[in-house]
Amino acid sequence: MTKPLDPVIAEIIPLLPLRDPKIMTPQSARDALRALAASRAAVPPPPVASTEDIEVEGAARPLAARVYRVSAATSPTVVFFHGGGWVAGDLETHDRQARWLAIETGAVVVSIDYRRPPEVRFPGAFEDAFAAVRDVASRIAAFGGDAKRLGVAGDSAGGNLAASVALACRDAGIKLAAQLLVYPVTDVAGNYADGVENARFPSRTENVEGYFLSRAVMEWFCGHYLADPSQGTDWRVSPLRAKDHAGLAPAIVCTAWFDPLRDEGAAYAAALKTADVPVQHYQGEGLIHGYFGLGEASDVARAEAQRARADFKSLLERGS
């Protein structure tokens, strides 16, 4: 029997932003996520040994990035991509998530501020993400220092970028030790507006609205990222549609039960398993999209995120 919605999260949902695409603009979405992050300013961020703002190579220009370290020892390195529907989100909105990732994995975490739509549309974010991983891999001594323990991670649109970059890394001969895909977008064909495509994933109807992220907001995000809906079948934005998933890095895939993206995330975990890629799938029962950012309020969210990060740590320590 499916667990009910966590009552703590049920109380939080009305306070969360990005719920009305009728009035959202790219700037208002960015401002809302920044304001949500700023509202936690009174709560000290989880402490790491150091943070450093740097630049990494992007596809067209250098990108701002932030490096989180928990020790000076040789460590795994994780390139992290923030969520926010490709349109919103930045280094500040996902600072706490990056900190917890570093603390609970022991990795050097490099959070990437990729270019966002609508100013730069698809495949700009993907190209920046891949360029950033190639740059970090090429000078791994400046980060964790161990080329065999390089991973990628991201949540939502960032999980989409991590999954797509893992495919690109495989094809480019860049060995990844692991990928952490947190409620990832994996198939945007039809832009969440096509009835036939939506019917393939029942969660798009079951969780169409009322649980923070709605299908209408996903349609809004895709409309800003893709210049043309036909781009939705491209594996660089729909990694589920890649012709071959064999040989990819072992994966941790996290979905949330009350999330329109639940079933496409589960389908990606199943596709990896079919391709003999080691994969662990956590279903996030009782949780909503975005729960990795709610661990300071919800014990259920915190426990599920900790479990996923612990397993990701094991994959990283094992190496590629």
C-alpha atoms as a PDB file:
ATOM      1  CA  MET A   1       0.000   0.000   0.000  1.00  0.00           C
ATOM      2  CA  THR A   2       1.359   3.397  -0.970  1.00  0.00           C
ATOM      3  CA  LYS A   3       2.326   5.667   1.887  1.00  0.00           C
ATOM      4  CA  PRO A   4       0.274   8.874   2.207  1.00  0.00           C
ATOM      5  CA  LEU A   5       1.769  12.274   1.624  1.00  0.00           C
ATOM      6  CA  ASP A   6       4.093  13.231   4.473  1.00  0.00           C
ATOM      7  CA  PRO A   7       1.965  15.611   6.615  1.00  0.00           C
ATOM      8  CA  VAL A   8       4.909  17.954   7.166  1.00  0.00           C
ATOM      9  CA  ILE A   9       5.360  18.334   3.415  1.00  0.00           C
ATOM     10  CA  ALA A  10       1.594  18.773   2.955  1.00  0.00           C
ATOM     11  CA  GLU A  11       1.850  21.888   5.133  1.00  0.00           C
ATOM     12  CA  ILE A  12       4.854  23.167   3.163  1.00  0.00           C
ATOM     13  CA  ILE A  13       3.364  22.827  -0.345  1.00  0.00           C
ATOM     14  CA  PRO A  14       1.257  26.034  -0.196  1.00  0.00           C
ATOM     15  CA  LEU A  15       4.415  27.974   0.673  1.00  0.00           C
ATOM     16  CA  LEU A  16       6.440  26.753  -2.312  1.00  0.00           C
ATOM     17  CA  PRO A  17       6.967  28.873  -5.456  1.00  0.00           C
ATOM     18  CA  LEU A  18       6.696  28.093  -9.193  1.00  0.00           C
ATOM     19  CA  ARG A  19       3.129  26.837  -9.024  1.00  0.00           C
ATOM     20  CA  ASP A  20       1.260  29.168 -11.412  1.00  0.00           C
ATOM     21  CA  PRO A  21       2.534  29.169 -15.005  1.00  0.00           C
ATOM     22  CA  LYS A  22      -0.148  31.664 -16.017  1.00  0.00           C
ATOM     23  CA  ILE A  23       1.702  34.479 -14.250  1.00  0.00           C
ATOM     24  CA  MET A  24       5.273  33.123 -14.199  1.00  0.00           C
ATOM     25  CA  THR A  25       8.036  34.804 -16.151  1.00  0.00           C
ATOM     26  CA  PRO A  26      11.641  33.615 -16.333  1.00  0.00           C
ATOM     27  CA  GLN A  27      12.697  36.432 -14.030  1.00  0.00           C
ATOM     28  CA  SER A  28       9.895  35.880 -11.536  1.00  0.00           C
ATOM     29  CA  ALA A  29      10.763  32.169 -11.405  1.00  0.00           C
ATOM     30  CA  ARG A  30      14.397  33.012 -10.707  1.00  0.00           C
ATOM     31  CA  ASP A  31      13.464  35.597  -8.103  1.00  0.00           C
ATOM     32  CA  ALA A  32      11.098  33.162  -6.378  1.00  0.00           C
ATOM     33  CA  LEU A  33      13.724  30.440  -6.016  1.00  0.00           C
ATOM     34  CA  ARG A  34      16.257  32.980  -4.781  1.00  0.00           C
ATOM     35  CA  ALA A  35      13.724  34.280  -2.241  1.00  0.00           C
ATOM     36  CA  LEU A  36      13.042  30.735  -1.030  1.00  0.00           C
ATOM     37  CA  ALA A  37      16.759  30.210  -0.463  1.00  0.00           C
ATOM     38  CA  ALA A  38      17.079  33.577   1.271  1.00  0.00           C
ATOM     39  CA  SER A  39      14.197  32.736   3.607  1.00  0.00           C
ATOM     40  CA  ARG A  40      16.423  30.093   5.214  1.00  0.00           C
ATOM     41  CA  ALA A  41      19.197  32.575   5.954  1.00  0.00           C
ATOM     42  CA  ALA A  42      18.543  32.420   9.696  1.00  0.00           C
ATOM     43  CA  VAL A  43      19.362  28.703   9.684  1.00  0.00           C
ATOM     44  CA  PRO A  44      23.150  28.252   9.397  1.00  0.00           C
ATOM     45  CA  PRO A  45      24.116  26.238   6.309  1.00  0.00           C
ATOM     46  CA  PRO A  46      25.622  22.807   6.893  1.00  0.00           C
ATOM     47  CA  PRO A  47      29.346  23.443   7.451  1.00  0.00           C
ATOM     48  CA  VAL A  48      32.015  22.270   5.028  1.00  0.00           C
ATOM     49  CA  ALA A  49      35.765  22.784   5.279  1.00  0.00           C
ATOM     50  CA  SER A  50      35.815  25.339   2.465  1.00  0.00           C
ATOM     51  CA  THR A  51      33.957  26.817  -0.474  1.00  0.00           C
ATOM     52  CA  GLU A  52      35.588  28.531  -3.425  1.00  0.00           C
ATOM     53  CA  ASP A  53      34.010  30.373  -6.338  1.00  0.00           C
ATOM     54  CA  ILE A  54      35.846  29.554  -9.560  1.00  0.00           C
ATOM     55  CA  GLU A  55      35.279  29.328 -13.298  1.00  0.00           C
ATOM     56  CA  VAL A  56      35.123  26.200 -15.433  1.00  0.00           C
ATOM     57  CA  GLU A  57      34.993  25.865 -19.178  1.00  0.00           C
ATOM     58  CA  GLY A  58      31.573  26.108 -20.792  1.00  0.00           C
ATOM     59  CA  ALA A  59      30.566  25.513 -24.375  1.00  0.00           C
ATOM     60  CA  ALA A  60      30.736  29.199 -25.334  1.00  0.00           C
ATOM     61  CA  ARG A  61      32.365  30.992 -22.392  1.00  0.00           C
ATOM     62  CA  PRO A  62      33.678  30.318 -18.895  1.00  0.00           C
ATOM     63  CA  LEU A  63      30.996  29.407 -16.378  1.00  0.00           C
ATOM     64  CA  ALA A  64      30.752  30.371 -12.731  1.00  0.00           C
ATOM     65  CA  ALA A  65      31.117  27.377 -10.422  1.00  0.00           C
ATOM     66  CA  ARG A  66      31.454  26.760  -6.710  1.00  0.00           C
ATOM     67  CA  VAL A  67      33.720  24.117  -5.175  1.00  0.00           C
ATOM     68  CA  TYR A  68      32.827  22.497  -1.841  1.00  0.00           C
ATOM     69  CA  ARG A  69      35.453  20.558   0.113  1.00  0.00           C
ATOM     70  CA  VAL A  70      35.195  18.610   3.333  1.00  0.00           C
ATOM     71  CA  SER A  71      38.904  17.734   3.531  1.00  0.00           C
ATOM     72  CA  ALA A  72      42.219  18.279   1.805  1.00  0.00           C
ATOM     73  CA  ALA A  73      42.703  14.554   1.189  1.00  0.00           C
ATOM     74  CA  THR A  74      42.427  12.900  -2.214  1.00  0.00           C
ATOM     75  CA  SER A  75      38.697  12.430  -2.727  1.00  0.00           C
ATOM     76  CA  PRO A  76      36.033  11.608  -5.289  1.00  0.00           C
ATOM     77  CA  THR A  77      34.870  14.536  -7.418  1.00  0.00           C
ATOM     78  CA  VAL A  78      31.209  15.194  -8.238  1.00  0.00           C
ATOM     79  CA  VAL A  79      30.042  17.692 -10.843  1.00  0.00           C
ATOM     80  CA  PHE A  80      26.628  18.910  -9.695  1.00  0.00           C
ATOM     81  CA  PHE A  81      23.881  20.502 -11.813  1.00  0.00           C
ATOM     82  CA  HIS A  82      21.123  22.443 -10.078  1.00  0.00           C
ATOM     83  CA  GLY A  83      17.435  22.117 -10.837  1.00  0.00           C
ATOM     84  CA  GLY A  84      14.906  24.827 -11.613  1.00  0.00           C
ATOM     85  CA  GLY A  85      13.406  23.733 -14.922  1.00  0.00           C
ATOM     86  CA  TRP A  86      16.564  24.813 -16.771  1.00  0.00           C
ATOM     87  CA  VAL A  87      15.151  28.376 -16.510  1.00  0.00           C
ATOM     88  CA  ALA A  88      15.626  29.144 -12.808  1.00  0.00           C
ATOM     89  CA  GLY A  89      17.985  27.946 -10.102  1.00  0.00           C
ATOM     90  CA  ASP A  90      21.622  28.886  -9.587  1.00  0.00           C
ATOM     91  CA  LEU A  91      24.566  28.391  -7.262  1.00  0.00           C
ATOM     92  CA  GLU A  92      22.761  30.106  -4.388  1.00  0.00           C
ATOM     93  CA  THR A  93      19.416  28.312  -4.624  1.00  0.00           C
ATOM     94  CA  HIS A  94      21.141  24.921  -4.447  1.00  0.00           C
ATOM     95  CA  ASP A  95      23.957  25.802  -2.051  1.00  0.00           C
ATOM     96  CA  ARG A  96      22.581  23.645   0.759  1.00  0.00           C
ATOM     97  CA  GLN A  97      22.042  20.651  -1.496  1.00  0.00           C
ATOM     98  CA  ALA A  98      25.626  20.900  -2.729  1.00  0.00           C
ATOM     99  CA  ARG A  99      26.877  21.135   0.856  1.00  0.00           C
ATOM    100  CA  TRP A 100      24.978  18.038   1.967  1.00  0.00           C
ATOM    101  CA  LEU A 101      26.264  16.181  -1.070  1.00  0.00           C
ATOM    102  CA  ALA A 102      29.854  17.011  -0.128  1.00  0.00           C
ATOM    103  CA  ILE A 103      29.350  16.240   3.570  1.00  0.00           C
ATOM    104  CA  GLU A 104      27.612  12.906   3.087  1.00  0.00           C
ATOM    105  CA  THR A 105      29.766  11.584   0.237  1.00  0.00           C
ATOM    106  CA  GLY A 106      33.157  13.021   1.224  1.00  0.00           C
ATOM    107  CA  ALA A 107      33.522  14.231  -2.355  1.00  0.00           C
ATOM    108  CA  VAL A 108      34.754  17.521  -3.721  1.00  0.00           C
ATOM    109  CA  VAL A 109      31.544  18.918  -5.225  1.00  0.00           C
ATOM    110  CA  VAL A 110      31.738  21.306  -8.173  1.00  0.00           C
ATOM    111  CA  SER A 111      28.390  23.079  -8.647  1.00  0.00           C
ATOM    112  CA  ILE A 112      27.924  24.501 -12.156  1.00  0.00           C
ATOM    113  CA  ASP A 113      26.086  27.681 -13.142  1.00  0.00           C
ATOM    114  CA  TYR A 114      25.156  26.677 -16.710  1.00  0.00           C
ATOM    115  CA  ARG A 115      23.534  29.084 -19.156  1.00  0.00           C
ATOM    116  CA  ARG A 116      19.748  29.190 -18.894  1.00  0.00           C
ATOM    117  CA  PRO A 117      16.834  29.660 -21.268  1.00  0.00           C
ATOM    118  CA  PRO A 118      15.148  31.549 -22.721  1.00  0.00           C
ATOM    119  CA  GLU A 119      18.320  33.621 -23.212  1.00  0.00           C
ATOM    120  CA  VAL A 120      20.157  30.449 -24.309  1.00  0.00           C
ATOM    121  CA  ARG A 121      17.893  27.659 -25.475  1.00  0.00           C
ATOM    122  CA  PHE A 122      18.519  23.946 -26.000  1.00  0.00           C
ATOM    123  CA  PRO A 123      21.109  22.506 -26.333  1.00  0.00           C
ATOM    124  CA  GLY A 124      22.947  25.300 -24.498  1.00  0.00           C
ATOM    125  CA  ALA A 125      22.540  23.931 -20.954  1.00  0.00           C
ATOM    126  CA  PHE A 126      23.499  20.420 -22.061  1.00  0.00           C
ATOM    127  CA  GLU A 127      26.551  21.668 -23.954  1.00  0.00           C
ATOM    128  CA  ASP A 128      27.680  23.711 -20.955  1.00  0.00           C
ATOM    129  CA  ALA A 129      27.194  20.753 -18.621  1.00  0.00           C
ATOM    130  CA  PHE A 130      29.220  18.423 -20.816  1.00  0.00           C
ATOM    131  CA  ALA A 131      31.960  21.014 -21.328  1.00  0.00           C
ATOM    132  CA  ALA A 132      32.174  21.523 -17.558  1.00  0.00           C
ATOM    133  CA  VAL A 133      32.599  17.797 -16.902  1.00  0.00           C
ATOM    134  CA  ARG A 134      35.274  17.521 -19.585  1.00  0.00           C
ATOM    135  CA  ASP A 135      37.115  20.465 -18.041  1.00  0.00           C
ATOM    136  CA  VAL A 136      36.942  19.062 -14.508  1.00  0.00           C
ATOM    137  CA  ALA A 137      38.040  15.632 -15.749  1.00  0.00           C
ATOM    138  CA  SER A 138      40.973  17.134 -17.635  1.00  0.00           C
ATOM    139  CA  ARG A 139      42.345  18.811 -14.483  1.00  0.00           C
ATOM    140  CA  ILE A 140      41.126  16.462 -11.801  1.00  0.00           C
ATOM    141  CA  ALA A 141      44.231  17.197  -9.704  1.00  0.00           C
ATOM    142  CA  ALA A 142      42.740  20.636  -8.981  1.00  0.00           C
ATOM    143  CA  PHE A 143      39.666  19.006  -7.465  1.00  0.00           C
ATOM    144  CA  GLY A 144      39.424  15.584  -5.806  1.00  0.00           C
ATOM    145  CA  GLY A 145      42.554  14.323  -7.496  1.00  0.00           C
ATOM    146  CA  ASP A 146      41.316  10.834  -8.424  1.00  0.00           C
ATOM    147  CA  ALA A 147      40.234  10.361 -12.051  1.00  0.00           C
ATOM    148  CA  LYS A 148      38.710   6.975 -11.244  1.00  0.00           C
ATOM    149  CA  ARG A 149      36.231   8.514  -8.807  1.00  0.00           C
ATOM    150  CA  LEU A 150      34.470  11.146 -10.902  1.00  0.00           C
ATOM    151  CA  GLY A 151      30.693  11.351 -10.799  1.00  0.00           C
ATOM    152  CA  VAL A 152      27.805  13.543 -11.906  1.00  0.00           C
ATOM    153  CA  ALA A 153      24.702  14.507  -9.958  1.00  0.00           C
ATOM    154  CA  GLY A 154      21.706  16.759 -10.303  1.00  0.00           C
ATOM    155  CA  ASP A 155      18.092  17.284  -9.327  1.00  0.00           C
ATOM    156  CA  SER A 156      15.116  17.722 -11.676  1.00  0.00           C
ATOM    157  CA  ALA A 157      16.412  19.619 -14.727  1.00  0.00           C
ATOM    158  CA  GLY A 158      19.861  19.120 -13.219  1.00  0.00           C
ATOM    159  CA  GLY A 159      19.161  15.393 -13.077  1.00  0.00           C
ATOM    160  CA  ASN A 160      18.248  15.605 -16.736  1.00  0.00           C
ATOM    161  CA  LEU A 161      21.606  17.231 -17.467  1.00  0.00           C
ATOM    162  CA  ALA A 162      23.496  14.676 -15.368  1.00  0.00           C
ATOM    163  CA  ALA A 163      21.808  11.773 -17.189  1.00  0.00           C
ATOM    164  CA  SER A 164      22.448  13.267 -20.632  1.00  0.00           C
ATOM    165  CA  VAL A 165      26.036  14.144 -19.773  1.00  0.00           C
ATOM    166  CA  ALA A 166      26.624  10.580 -18.560  1.00  0.00           C
ATOM    167  CA  LEU A 167      25.594   9.386 -22.017  1.00  0.00           C
ATOM    168  CA  ALA A 168      27.903  11.914 -23.667  1.00  0.00           C
ATOM    169  CA  CYS A 169      30.785  10.941 -21.374  1.00  0.00           C
ATOM    170  CA  ARG A 170      30.381   7.278 -22.264  1.00  0.00           C
ATOM    171  CA  ASP A 171      30.516   8.132 -25.973  1.00  0.00           C
ATOM    172  CA  ALA A 172      33.549  10.391 -25.450  1.00  0.00           C
ATOM    173  CA  GLY A 173      35.472   7.815 -23.440  1.00  0.00           C
ATOM    174  CA  ILE A 174      35.263   9.740 -20.164  1.00  0.00           C
ATOM    175  CA  LYS A 175      34.894   7.187 -17.382  1.00  0.00           C
ATOM    176  CA  LEU A 176      32.405   8.078 -14.677  1.00  0.00           C
ATOM    177  CA  ALA A 177      32.207   6.159 -11.431  1.00  0.00           C
ATOM    178  CA  ALA A 178      28.568   7.002 -10.708  1.00  0.00           C
ATOM    179  CA  GLN A 179      25.582   9.179 -11.486  1.00  0.00           C
ATOM    180  CA  LEU A 180      23.006  10.462  -8.989  1.00  0.00           C
ATOM    181  CA  LEU A 181      19.757  11.368 -10.743  1.00  0.00           C
ATOM    182  CA  VAL A 182      17.271  13.021  -8.407  1.00  0.00           C
ATOM    183  CA  TYR A 183      13.680  13.145  -9.762  1.00  0.00           C
ATOM    184  CA  PRO A 184      15.148  13.630 -13.247  1.00  0.00           C
ATOM    185  CA  VAL A 185      13.372  14.825 -16.370  1.00  0.00           C
ATOM    186  CA  THR A 186      13.966  11.991 -18.852  1.00  0.00           C
ATOM    187  CA  ASP A 187      11.442  12.334 -21.691  1.00  0.00           C
ATOM    188  CA  VAL A 188      10.058  15.684 -22.826  1.00  0.00           C
ATOM    189  CA  ALA A 189       8.678  14.541 -26.200  1.00  0.00           C
ATOM    190  CA  GLY A 190       5.358  16.305 -26.588  1.00  0.00           C
ATOM    191  CA  ASN A 191       6.321  19.045 -24.123  1.00  0.00           C
ATOM    192  CA  TYR A 192       3.961  17.576 -21.475  1.00  0.00           C
ATOM    193  CA  ALA A 193       1.046  18.809 -23.610  1.00  0.00           C
ATOM    194  CA  ASP A 194       0.559  15.782 -25.869  1.00  0.00           C
ATOM    195  CA  GLY A 195      -2.110  13.355 -24.661  1.00  0.00           C
ATOM    196  CA  VAL A 196      -0.551  10.288 -26.251  1.00  0.00           C
ATOM    197  CA  GLU A 197       2.873  10.982 -24.756  1.00  0.00           C
ATOM    198  CA  ASN A 198       1.421  11.831 -21.359  1.00  0.00           C
ATOM    199  CA  ALA A 199      -0.553   8.581 -21.307  1.00  0.00           C
ATOM    200  CA  ARG A 200       2.739   6.643 -21.312  1.00  0.00           C
ATOM    201  CA  PHE A 201       3.406   7.997 -17.816  1.00  0.00           C
ATOM    202  CA  PRO A 202       0.356   7.742 -15.513  1.00  0.00           C
ATOM    203  CA  SER A 203       1.988   9.984 -12.892  1.00  0.00           C
ATOM    204  CA  ARG A 204       1.478  12.906 -15.257  1.00  0.00           C
ATOM    205  CA  THR A 205      -2.264  12.484 -14.705  1.00  0.00           C
ATOM    206  CA  GLU A 206      -2.244  11.207 -11.127  1.00  0.00           C
ATOM    207  CA  ASN A 207      -0.059  14.122 -10.011  1.00  0.00           C
ATOM    208  CA  VAL A 208      -1.100  16.653 -12.618  1.00  0.00           C
ATOM    209  CA  GLU A 209      -1.341  19.369  -9.951  1.00  0.00           C
ATOM    210  CA  GLY A 210      -1.578  19.932  -6.225  1.00  0.00           C
ATOM    211  CA  TYR A 211       1.840  18.584  -5.215  1.00  0.00           C
ATOM    212  CA  PHE A 212       4.098  21.605  -5.914  1.00  0.00           C
ATOM    213  CA  LEU A 213       5.397  20.703  -9.398  1.00  0.00           C
ATOM    214  CA  SER A 214       2.539  20.477 -11.885  1.00  0.00           C
ATOM    215  CA  ARG A 215       2.380  19.185 -15.432  1.00  0.00           C
ATOM    216  CA  ALA A 216       1.451  22.700 -16.601  1.00  0.00           C
ATOM    217  CA  VAL A 217       4.637  24.095 -15.076  1.00  0.00           C
ATOM    218  CA  MET A 218       6.652  21.380 -16.832  1.00  0.00           C
ATOM    219  CA  GLU A 219       5.015  22.441 -20.105  1.00  0.00           C
ATOM    220  CA  TRP A 220       6.044  26.032 -19.319  1.00  0.00           C
ATOM    221  CA  PHE A 221       9.648  24.999 -18.606  1.00  0.00           C
ATOM    222  CA  CYS A 222       9.908  22.978 -21.827  1.00  0.00           C
ATOM    223  CA  GLY A 223       8.420  25.846 -23.822  1.00  0.00           C
ATOM    224  CA  HIS A 224      11.270  28.032 -22.643  1.00  0.00           C
ATOM    225  CA  TYR A 225      14.086  25.489 -23.019  1.00  0.00           C
ATOM    226  CA  LEU A 226      13.184  24.105 -26.440  1.00  0.00           C
ATOM    227  CA  ALA A 227      13.063  26.436 -29.429  1.00  0.00           C
ATOM    228  CA  ASP A 228      10.871  23.884 -31.213  1.00  0.00           C
ATOM    229  CA  PRO A 229       8.809  21.039 -29.708  1.00  0.00           C
ATOM    230  CA  SER A 230      10.333  18.630 -32.230  1.00  0.00           C
ATOM    231  CA  GLN A 231      13.588  18.848 -30.259  1.00  0.00           C
ATOM    232  CA  GLY A 232      11.932  16.868 -27.485  1.00  0.00           C
ATOM    233  CA  THR A 233      12.913  13.545 -29.062  1.00  0.00           C
ATOM    234  CA  ASP A 234      16.632  14.431 -28.930  1.00  0.00           C
ATOM    235  CA  TRP A 235      18.445  12.246 -26.364  1.00  0.00           C
ATOM    236  CA  ARG A 236      20.323  15.296 -25.085  1.00  0.00           C
ATOM    237  CA  VAL A 237      17.061  16.497 -23.518  1.00  0.00           C
ATOM    238  CA  SER A 238      15.235  13.137 -23.393  1.00  0.00           C
ATOM    239  CA  PRO A 239      17.854  10.617 -22.255  1.00  0.00           C
ATOM    240  CA  LEU A 240      15.207   7.896 -22.061  1.00  0.00           C
ATOM    241  CA  ARG A 241      15.106   8.067 -25.873  1.00  0.00           C
ATOM    242  CA  ALA A 242      18.818   7.358 -26.329  1.00  0.00           C
ATOM    243  CA  LYS A 243      19.304   4.392 -28.660  1.00  0.00           C
ATOM    244  CA  ASP A 244      21.596   2.588 -26.256  1.00  0.00           C
ATOM    245  CA  HIS A 245      22.045   2.827 -22.478  1.00  0.00           C
ATOM    246  CA  ALA A 246      24.658   0.088 -22.215  1.00  0.00           C
ATOM    247  CA  GLY A 247      27.987   0.927 -20.637  1.00  0.00           C
ATOM    248  CA  LEU A 248      26.753   3.865 -18.601  1.00  0.00           C
ATOM    249  CA  ALA A 249      28.031   4.637 -15.123  1.00  0.00           C
ATOM    250  CA  PRO A 250      26.221   2.928 -12.232  1.00  0.00           C
ATOM    251  CA  ALA A 251      23.265   5.020 -11.167  1.00  0.00           C
ATOM    252  CA  ILE A 252      21.184   6.023  -8.199  1.00  0.00           C
ATOM    253  CA  VAL A 253      17.759   7.147  -9.459  1.00  0.00           C
ATOM    254  CA  CYS A 254      15.443   8.911  -7.024  1.00  0.00           C
ATOM    255  CA  THR A 255      11.805   9.619  -7.802  1.00  0.00           C
ATOM    256  CA  ALA A 256       9.005  11.054  -5.676  1.00  0.00           C
ATOM    257  CA  TRP A 257       5.640   9.355  -5.479  1.00  0.00           C
ATOM    258  CA  PHE A 258       3.601  12.571  -5.652  1.00  0.00           C
ATOM    259  CA  ASP A 259       5.422  13.981  -8.682  1.00  0.00           C
ATOM    260  CA  PRO A 260       4.340  14.160 -12.337  1.00  0.00           C
ATOM    261  CA  LEU A 261       7.909  13.122 -13.248  1.00  0.00           C
ATOM    262  CA  ARG A 262       7.724   9.922 -11.178  1.00  0.00           C
ATOM    263  CA  ASP A 263       7.053   7.455 -13.964  1.00  0.00           C
ATOM    264  CA  GLU A 264       9.548   8.771 -16.496  1.00  0.00           C
ATOM    265  CA  GLY A 265      12.220   8.585 -13.793  1.00  0.00           C
ATOM    266  CA  ALA A 266      11.180   5.017 -13.015  1.00  0.00           C
ATOM    267  CA  ALA A 267      11.238   4.224 -16.745  1.00  0.00           C
ATOM    268  CA  TYR A 268      14.808   5.511 -16.939  1.00  0.00           C
ATOM    269  CA  ALA A 269      15.860   3.317 -14.026  1.00  0.00           C
ATOM    270  CA  ALA A 270      14.234   0.358 -15.800  1.00  0.00           C
ATOM    271  CA  ALA A 271      15.990   1.200 -19.080  1.00  0.00           C
ATOM    272  CA  LEU A 272      19.345   1.247 -17.308  1.00  0.00           C
ATOM    273  CA  LYS A 273      18.605  -2.079 -15.662  1.00  0.00           C
ATOM    274  CA  THR A 274      17.622  -3.593 -19.024  1.00  0.00           C
ATOM    275  CA  ALA A 275      20.962  -2.400 -20.415  1.00  0.00           C
ATOM    276  CA  ASP A 276      22.782  -4.156 -17.532  1.00  0.00           C
ATOM    277  CA  VAL A 277      23.774  -0.887 -15.884  1.00  0.00           C
ATOM    278  CA  PRO A 278      23.901  -1.264 -12.080  1.00  0.00           C
ATOM    279  CA  VAL A 279      21.049   0.889 -10.783  1.00  0.00           C
ATOM    280  CA  GLN A 280      19.272   1.501  -7.511  1.00  0.00           C
ATOM    281  CA  HIS A 281      15.875   3.174  -7.633  1.00  0.00           C
ATOM    282  CA  TYR A 282      14.340   4.923  -4.641  1.00  0.00           C
ATOM    283  CA  GLN A 283      10.648   5.664  -5.069  1.00  0.00           C
ATOM    284  CA  GLY A 284      10.307   8.477  -2.546  1.00  0.00           C
ATOM    285  CA  GLU A 285       7.048   7.260  -1.025  1.00  0.00           C
ATOM    286  CA  GLY A 286       5.131  10.025   0.689  1.00  0.00           C
ATOM    287  CA  LEU A 287       7.295  12.677  -0.962  1.00  0.00           C
ATOM    288  CA  ILE A 288       7.025  15.364  -3.628  1.00  0.00           C
ATOM    289  CA  HIS A 289       9.286  16.770  -6.289  1.00  0.00           C
ATOM    290  CA  GLY A 290      11.956  18.877  -4.638  1.00  0.00           C
ATOM    291  CA  TYR A 291      12.192  16.835  -1.452  1.00  0.00           C
ATOM    292  CA  PHE A 292      16.021  16.893  -1.416  1.00  0.00           C
ATOM    293  CA  GLY A 293      15.631  20.559  -0.523  1.00  0.00           C
ATOM    294  CA  LEU A 294      13.152  19.877   2.288  1.00  0.00           C
ATOM    295  CA  GLY A 295      15.267  17.684   4.538  1.00  0.00           C
ATOM    296  CA  GLU A 296      15.661  20.380   7.193  1.00  0.00           C
ATOM    297  CA  ALA A 297      11.864  20.368   7.689  1.00  0.00           C
ATOM    298  CA  SER A 298      10.807  16.794   6.917  1.00  0.00           C
ATOM    299  CA  ASP A 299      12.311  13.739   8.600  1.00  0.00           C
ATOM    300  CA  VAL A 300      10.935  11.560   5.787  1.00  0.00           C
ATOM    301  CA  ALA A 301      12.620  13.690   3.125  1.00  0.00           C
ATOM    302  CA  ARG A 302      15.892  13.808   5.025  1.00  0.00           C
ATOM    303  CA  ALA A 303      16.037  10.047   5.528  1.00  0.00           C
ATOM    304  CA  GLU A 304      15.345   9.290   1.854  1.00  0.00           C
ATOM    305  CA  ALA A 305      17.935  11.807   0.644  1.00  0.00           C
ATOM    306  CA  GLN A 306      20.518  10.478   3.094  1.00  0.00           C
ATOM    307  CA  ARG A 307      19.943   6.919   1.925  1.00  0.00           C
ATOM    308  CA  ALA A 308      20.480   7.907  -1.706  1.00  0.00           C
ATOM    309  CA  ARG A 309      23.608   9.918  -0.950  1.00  0.00           C
ATOM    310  CA  ALA A 310      25.056   7.047   1.095  1.00  0.00           C
ATOM    311  CA  ASP A 311      24.643   4.657  -1.819  1.00  0.00           C
ATOM    312  CA  PHE A 312      26.082   7.231  -4.209  1.00  0.00           C
ATOM    313  CA  LYS A 313      29.072   7.521  -1.880  1.00  0.00           C
ATOM    314  CA  SER A 314      29.605   3.748  -2.096  1.00  0.00           C
ATOM    315  CA  LEU A 315      29.602   3.873  -5.886  1.00  0.00           C
ATOM    316  CA  LEU A 316      32.071   6.760  -5.920  1.00  0.00           C
ATOM    317  CA  GLU A 317      34.424   5.011  -3.523  1.00  0.00           C
ATOM    318  CA  ARG A 318      34.351   1.899  -5.682  1.00  0.00           C
ATOM    319  CA  GLY A 319      35.591   3.937  -8.654  1.00  0.00           C
ATOM    320  CA  SER A 320      35.190   3.506 -12.399  1.00  0.00           C
END
